[in-house]
Structures are given as structure tokens and as C-alpha cells.
Amino acid sequence: MTKIHPTANVHPDAVIGDDVEIGPYSCIGEHVVIGDRTKIESHVIIDGWTTIGKDNLILHHAVIGSPPQDLAWKGDRSYLKIGDRNVIHEFVTISPGTKPESETVIGNDCMLMVGVHVAHNDRIGNNVILVNYTSLGGYVEVGDRAFLSAFVAVHQFVKVGTLAIVASFSKISQDFPPYMMGQDSPTVVYGLNVVGMRRAGFSQETRDLIKKAYMILYHDKFNFSDAVKVIEEDAALAKCKEVEILINFIKNSNRGICRHHV
């Protein structure tokens, strides 16, 4: 049974699923859709054309779907779409898209800790963890199972690859590759996220192939273009889909790839 606290302000046209809980003084806007069994605690604001999936937990004072923090926004309709089973902690802010009919998207099974900001037109994958006060600029993409530690700042248009892990207080101003560990300001690559790959179920063979590709990229004194050619010409590496993800990430980078530490 849906439970809405008597002090909550829920627009009559909002679509509220089964067994949803909405806590004291929370405000739900006209165009909001909230999926079954999602729990919204006190003083939460959800506005705009926001769609939230099932089994989410949204904690006190989160602000979701309010106008984007972008001077280019002119009041046009844009969207925010959030998947299932996410945990959105206190004082998180998440913006919809800026341009008309554009969208911000967050996948499933993510955790956004206290004070995280997800800006307009960002795309967050599944099983992503954003630790306290991490801030993403507009049009950022974060791949599945990425982990950004506390106070990480991500420049607009930057891409962070799947299973990447970046240490606290880092500034990411170039694309950060899949499977890597990084830190510093600007962020540089320090090695491979071996623990993360193991927890994700990567076989030893796959981890070895990714390590070989990493060594070619960062330790064999090639530039990135030549390193990609060497990897693509290696039969074993070319057959590995995880290495293919890494190579495609590099080939499709618009901002350049984070360098190795010296």
C-alpha cells in the first residue's frame, strides 16, 4: 500500500506506483513518475519531467529534476530518467537535460552518496558508485561499475570508462579509460583496477589480456594511436571483448586520454 505523509505535497497528476512511500514535507511535481516500492524520505524535492524506476531509496533533502544549472537552458521540456534499485543519499542534486527533449540518464543499482551532483545531460551506467560530494559537469558519461571517490570533480564532456576507479580529490579533465585506477589533479593513471575486475567476474585470462593491453598503452613508449594499432594486430587481444571495449573507448575519445603517472 502506498504511504504518503500528510505533510507531503504531491501533485494530483504525478504518477505514483504501488507501495511507494513519501515522507514528511517532500514535494512531487506534476510530471513526475515514481515506480513501485520506491521510498522517498523527508524534505525531498522531485520535479520536472522526471521518471524514477522501482525499488529506489531517496534520502532526506535530495533535489531531483529541478532546472539544470546551465545558462543555455531556456525553460524547454527536457527529461531525467532514473532506473531501478538506486540509493540516492542526502543533499544529492540531479539535473535534467538542457536542450529541448534531451535527457539525463542514470541506470540501475547505483549509489550516489551525500552531496553528489549529477549535471545536465549526464549518462551514468549501472552499479556506479559516486562517493560524497563528487561533482559531474554537463554531458559527462560514466561507465558501468565505475567508482569515483569523495570530492572528485569531472569536467564537462568527459567520459569515465567501465570499472574505472579514481581516488578522492582528483580532477578528471580528460577521458579516463576502462579498468584503470587513477588519482591527482589532473588525474593520471596509476595502474589497473585488478580487485574490481575480479569482483566483476573477469577470468584470469581476461585480466591477463587487459594487463597486456595496458602495458602496451602505458609502458611500451608508443603514443596512443600506435599503441592501439599494436593491440589490434595482436590476435589474442583482438578476440577479447573487454580489450575491445578499452580500444573503442580510446578511439572514440574527444578530449584525449589521461596519461600515466611519472
Protein backbone atom coordinates (compact mmCIF):
# COMPACT_ATOMS: atom_id res chain seq x y z
CA MET A 1 0.00 0.00 0.00
CA THR A 2 1.29 3.44 -0.95
CA LYS A 3 2.03 5.66 2.05
CA ILE A 4 2.11 9.43 1.62
CA HIS A 5 2.77 11.52 4.72
CA PRO A 6 0.05 14.14 5.28
CA THR A 7 2.61 16.97 5.10
CA ALA A 8 3.94 15.84 1.71
CA ASN A 9 2.91 17.87 -1.34
CA VAL A 10 2.19 15.51 -4.24
CA HIS A 11 0.73 16.96 -7.43
CA PRO A 12 -2.51 15.18 -8.36
CA ASP A 13 -1.20 14.47 -11.86
CA ALA A 14 2.01 12.80 -10.66
CA VAL A 15 2.07 9.06 -11.32
CA ILE A 16 2.83 7.14 -8.13
CA GLY A 17 3.37 3.36 -8.27
CA ASP A 18 2.30 0.68 -5.84
CA ASP A 19 3.77 0.53 -2.33
CA VAL A 20 5.60 3.83 -2.71
CA GLU A 21 6.44 5.74 0.48
CA ILE A 22 6.72 9.53 0.50
CA GLY A 23 7.97 11.13 3.70
CA PRO A 24 7.22 14.38 5.55
CA TYR A 25 7.42 17.67 3.63
CA SER A 26 8.56 16.07 0.39
CA CYS A 27 7.29 17.68 -2.85
CA ILE A 28 6.48 15.73 -6.00
CA GLY A 29 5.84 17.69 -9.20
CA GLU A 30 3.17 17.44 -11.86
CA HIS A 31 5.11 15.44 -14.47
CA VAL A 32 6.90 13.04 -12.14
CA VAL A 33 6.57 9.26 -12.43
CA ILE A 34 7.68 7.12 -9.49
CA GLY A 35 7.94 3.33 -9.77
CA ASP A 36 6.70 0.67 -7.40
CA ARG A 37 8.23 0.28 -3.94
CA THR A 38 10.38 3.36 -4.19
CA LYS A 39 10.88 5.02 -0.80
CA ILE A 40 11.25 8.80 -0.58
CA GLU A 41 12.21 10.17 2.81
CA SER A 42 11.62 13.66 4.24
CA HIS A 43 12.15 17.05 2.54
CA VAL A 44 12.89 15.55 -0.89
CA ILE A 45 12.02 17.58 -3.99
CA ILE A 46 11.33 15.74 -7.25
CA ASP A 47 10.27 17.96 -10.13
CA GLY A 48 10.32 18.34 -13.90
CA TRP A 49 9.70 15.54 -16.37
CA THR A 50 11.37 13.00 -14.10
CA THR A 51 10.83 9.26 -14.27
CA ILE A 52 12.12 7.10 -11.41
CA GLY A 53 12.02 3.29 -11.56
CA LYS A 54 11.27 0.65 -8.98
CA ASP A 55 12.79 -0.09 -5.56
CA ASN A 56 14.80 3.10 -5.24
CA LEU A 57 15.68 4.73 -1.92
CA ILE A 58 15.89 8.54 -1.94
CA LEU A 59 17.04 10.08 1.30
CA HIS A 60 16.42 13.38 3.05
CA HIS A 61 16.82 16.71 1.23
CA ALA A 62 17.72 15.29 -2.19
CA VAL A 63 16.72 17.60 -5.07
CA ILE A 64 15.94 15.72 -8.26
CA GLY A 65 14.80 17.12 -11.59
CA SER A 66 15.00 20.82 -10.78
CA PRO A 67 16.11 23.12 -13.64
CA PRO A 68 19.65 22.49 -14.93
CA GLN A 69 22.43 24.75 -13.73
CA ASP A 70 23.19 25.92 -17.24
CA LEU A 71 22.65 29.36 -18.79
CA ALA A 72 21.73 27.62 -22.06
CA TRP A 73 18.51 26.28 -20.51
CA LYS A 74 15.57 28.36 -21.71
CA GLY A 75 12.75 26.61 -19.87
CA ASP A 76 12.08 23.99 -22.53
CA ARG A 77 10.90 20.49 -21.65
CA SER A 78 13.73 18.04 -21.01
CA TYR A 79 13.95 14.82 -19.07
CA LEU A 80 15.56 12.94 -16.21
CA LYS A 81 15.35 9.16 -16.21
CA ILE A 82 16.48 7.09 -13.23
CA GLY A 83 16.41 3.28 -13.24
CA ASP A 84 15.78 0.70 -10.52
CA ARG A 85 17.30 -0.11 -7.12
CA ASN A 86 19.37 3.03 -6.79
CA VAL A 87 20.28 4.63 -3.46
CA ILE A 88 20.34 8.42 -3.61
CA HIS A 89 21.65 9.93 -0.39
CA GLU A 90 21.13 13.19 1.43
CA PHE A 91 21.53 16.50 -0.43
CA VAL A 92 22.19 14.88 -3.81
CA THR A 93 21.23 17.09 -6.77
CA ILE A 94 20.41 15.66 -10.22
CA SER A 95 19.52 17.85 -13.20
CA PRO A 96 17.53 17.05 -16.35
CA GLY A 97 18.83 17.82 -19.83
CA THR A 98 19.42 21.36 -21.05
CA LYS A 99 18.36 21.30 -24.70
CA PRO A 100 14.71 20.68 -25.61
CA GLU A 101 13.74 16.99 -25.38
CA SER A 102 17.23 15.97 -24.21
CA GLU A 103 17.77 13.83 -21.14
CA THR A 104 19.93 12.91 -18.19
CA VAL A 105 20.03 9.16 -17.56
CA ILE A 106 21.03 7.11 -14.50
CA GLY A 107 20.98 3.32 -14.76
CA ASN A 108 20.29 0.63 -12.17
CA ASP A 109 21.86 -0.34 -8.83
CA CYS A 110 23.87 2.85 -8.38
CA MET A 111 24.76 4.60 -5.13
CA LEU A 112 25.07 8.37 -5.01
CA MET A 113 26.40 9.39 -1.62
CA VAL A 114 25.94 12.64 0.31
CA GLY A 115 26.15 15.85 -1.70
CA VAL A 116 26.82 14.31 -5.12
CA HIS A 117 25.90 16.49 -8.11
CA VAL A 118 24.90 14.97 -11.46
CA ALA A 119 24.62 17.74 -14.04
CA HIS A 120 22.51 18.11 -17.16
CA ASN A 121 22.75 15.51 -19.93
CA ASP A 122 24.96 13.16 -17.95
CA ARG A 123 24.71 9.43 -18.59
CA ILE A 124 25.50 7.15 -15.66
CA GLY A 125 25.68 3.38 -16.19
CA ASN A 126 24.76 0.53 -13.85
CA ASN A 127 26.36 -0.30 -10.49
CA VAL A 128 28.16 3.05 -10.39
CA ILE A 129 29.27 4.45 -7.03
CA LEU A 130 29.77 8.20 -6.61
CA VAL A 131 31.17 8.99 -3.17
CA ASN A 132 30.44 12.09 -1.07
CA TYR A 133 30.48 15.44 -2.85
CA THR A 134 31.67 14.14 -6.19
CA SER A 135 30.55 16.59 -8.89
CA LEU A 136 29.95 15.79 -12.55
CA GLY A 137 29.87 18.56 -15.15
CA GLY A 138 27.40 18.52 -18.03
CA TYR A 139 27.41 15.82 -20.70
CA VAL A 140 29.62 13.51 -18.62
CA GLU A 141 29.42 9.75 -19.22
CA VAL A 142 30.29 7.23 -16.50
CA GLY A 143 30.52 3.54 -17.42
CA ASP A 144 29.18 0.54 -15.54
CA ARG A 145 30.78 -0.30 -12.18
CA ALA A 146 32.91 2.84 -12.12
CA PHE A 147 33.85 4.14 -8.66
CA LEU A 148 34.58 7.83 -8.09
CA SER A 149 35.78 8.59 -4.57
CA ALA A 150 34.95 11.63 -2.45
CA PHE A 151 35.29 15.16 -3.84
CA VAL A 152 36.17 14.06 -7.38
CA ALA A 153 35.47 16.79 -9.95
CA VAL A 154 34.71 15.68 -13.50
CA HIS A 155 34.96 18.25 -16.29
CA GLN A 156 32.07 18.61 -18.72
CA PHE A 157 32.05 16.23 -21.71
CA VAL A 158 34.49 13.84 -20.02
CA LYS A 159 33.95 10.08 -20.24
CA VAL A 160 34.88 7.69 -17.45
CA GLY A 161 35.17 4.06 -18.54
CA THR A 162 33.65 0.93 -17.09
CA LEU A 163 35.28 -0.39 -13.91
CA ALA A 164 37.42 2.71 -13.57
CA ILE A 165 38.29 3.80 -10.04
CA VAL A 166 39.50 7.31 -9.18
CA ALA A 167 40.80 8.44 -5.79
CA SER A 168 39.47 11.30 -3.68
CA PHE A 169 40.12 14.97 -4.53
CA SER A 170 41.04 14.17 -8.14
CA LYS A 171 40.15 16.41 -11.08
CA ILE A 172 39.31 14.49 -14.26
CA SER A 173 39.69 16.76 -17.27
CA GLN A 174 40.38 14.10 -19.94
CA ASP A 175 38.70 10.79 -20.66
CA PHE A 176 39.62 8.16 -18.10
CA PRO A 177 39.93 4.64 -19.58
CA PRO A 178 38.10 1.47 -18.52
CA TYR A 179 39.64 -0.86 -15.91
CA MET A 180 42.19 1.73 -14.71
CA MET A 181 42.98 3.28 -11.33
CA GLY A 182 43.80 6.97 -11.13
CA GLN A 183 44.29 9.97 -8.89
CA ASP A 184 45.69 13.51 -8.71
CA SER A 185 44.77 16.82 -10.27
CA PRO A 186 44.77 16.49 -13.21
CA THR A 187 44.06 12.78 -12.92
CA VAL A 188 46.67 10.33 -14.17
CA VAL A 189 46.59 6.55 -14.47
CA TYR A 190 48.40 4.60 -11.78
CA GLY A 191 47.58 1.01 -12.71
CA LEU A 192 44.79 -1.48 -13.21
CA ASN A 193 41.68 -1.98 -11.09
CA VAL A 194 42.53 -5.64 -10.53
CA VAL A 195 40.26 -6.05 -7.50
CA GLY A 196 37.33 -4.50 -9.32
CA MET A 197 37.79 -6.76 -12.34
CA ARG A 198 37.97 -9.82 -10.11
CA ARG A 199 34.82 -8.83 -8.26
CA ALA A 200 33.09 -8.28 -11.61
CA GLY A 201 33.82 -11.88 -12.52
CA PHE A 202 36.58 -11.35 -15.08
CA SER A 203 38.55 -14.56 -15.62
CA GLN A 204 42.29 -14.71 -15.04
CA GLU A 205 42.80 -14.99 -18.80
CA THR A 206 40.77 -11.84 -19.41
CA ARG A 207 42.61 -9.94 -16.70
CA ASP A 208 45.94 -11.01 -18.19
CA LEU A 209 44.88 -9.78 -21.63
CA ILE A 210 43.76 -6.44 -20.24
CA LYS A 211 47.08 -6.15 -18.42
CA LYS A 212 48.94 -6.83 -21.67
CA ALA A 213 46.95 -4.12 -23.43
CA TYR A 214 47.59 -1.74 -20.53
CA MET A 215 51.35 -2.36 -20.75
CA ILE A 216 51.32 -1.59 -24.48
CA LEU A 217 49.33 1.60 -23.90
CA TYR A 218 51.27 2.97 -20.97
CA HIS A 219 54.66 1.29 -20.70
CA ASP A 220 55.89 0.46 -24.21
CA LYS A 221 56.64 4.08 -25.21
CA PHE A 222 54.05 4.20 -28.00
CA ASN A 223 51.73 7.12 -28.49
CA PHE A 224 48.09 6.12 -28.08
CA SER A 225 47.40 5.81 -31.83
CA ASP A 226 50.35 3.48 -32.40
CA ALA A 227 49.57 1.51 -29.24
CA VAL A 228 46.02 0.89 -30.47
CA LYS A 229 47.38 -0.44 -33.78
CA VAL A 230 49.74 -2.81 -31.95
CA ILE A 231 46.90 -4.12 -29.79
CA GLU A 232 44.57 -4.59 -32.77
CA GLU A 233 47.26 -6.57 -34.58
CA ASP A 234 47.66 -8.99 -31.65
CA ALA A 235 45.36 -11.96 -32.37
CA ALA A 236 44.65 -12.83 -28.73
CA LEU A 237 43.98 -9.24 -27.73
CA ALA A 238 41.77 -8.63 -30.77
CA LYS A 239 39.49 -11.52 -29.76
CA CYS A 240 38.93 -10.26 -26.21
CA LYS A 241 35.71 -8.25 -25.97
CA GLU A 242 36.89 -6.47 -22.80
CA VAL A 243 40.03 -5.28 -24.59
CA GLU A 244 37.82 -4.22 -27.50
CA ILE A 245 35.84 -2.04 -25.06
CA LEU A 246 39.10 -0.41 -23.95
CA ILE A 247 40.30 0.20 -27.51
CA ASN A 248 36.96 1.59 -28.68
CA PHE A 249 36.93 3.93 -25.69
CA ILE A 250 40.32 5.31 -26.70
CA LYS A 251 39.46 5.57 -30.39
CA ASN A 252 36.23 7.43 -29.64
CA SER A 253 37.73 9.91 -27.19
CA ASN A 254 37.18 13.57 -27.98
CA ARG A 255 39.03 15.09 -25.04
CA GLY A 256 42.13 12.89 -25.09
CA ILE A 257 43.06 10.10 -22.69
CA CYS A 258 44.50 10.55 -19.20
CA ARG A 259 48.24 9.97 -19.17
CA HIS A 260 50.27 7.66 -16.94
CA HIS A 261 51.93 8.99 -13.82
CA VAL A 262 55.66 9.71 -13.99
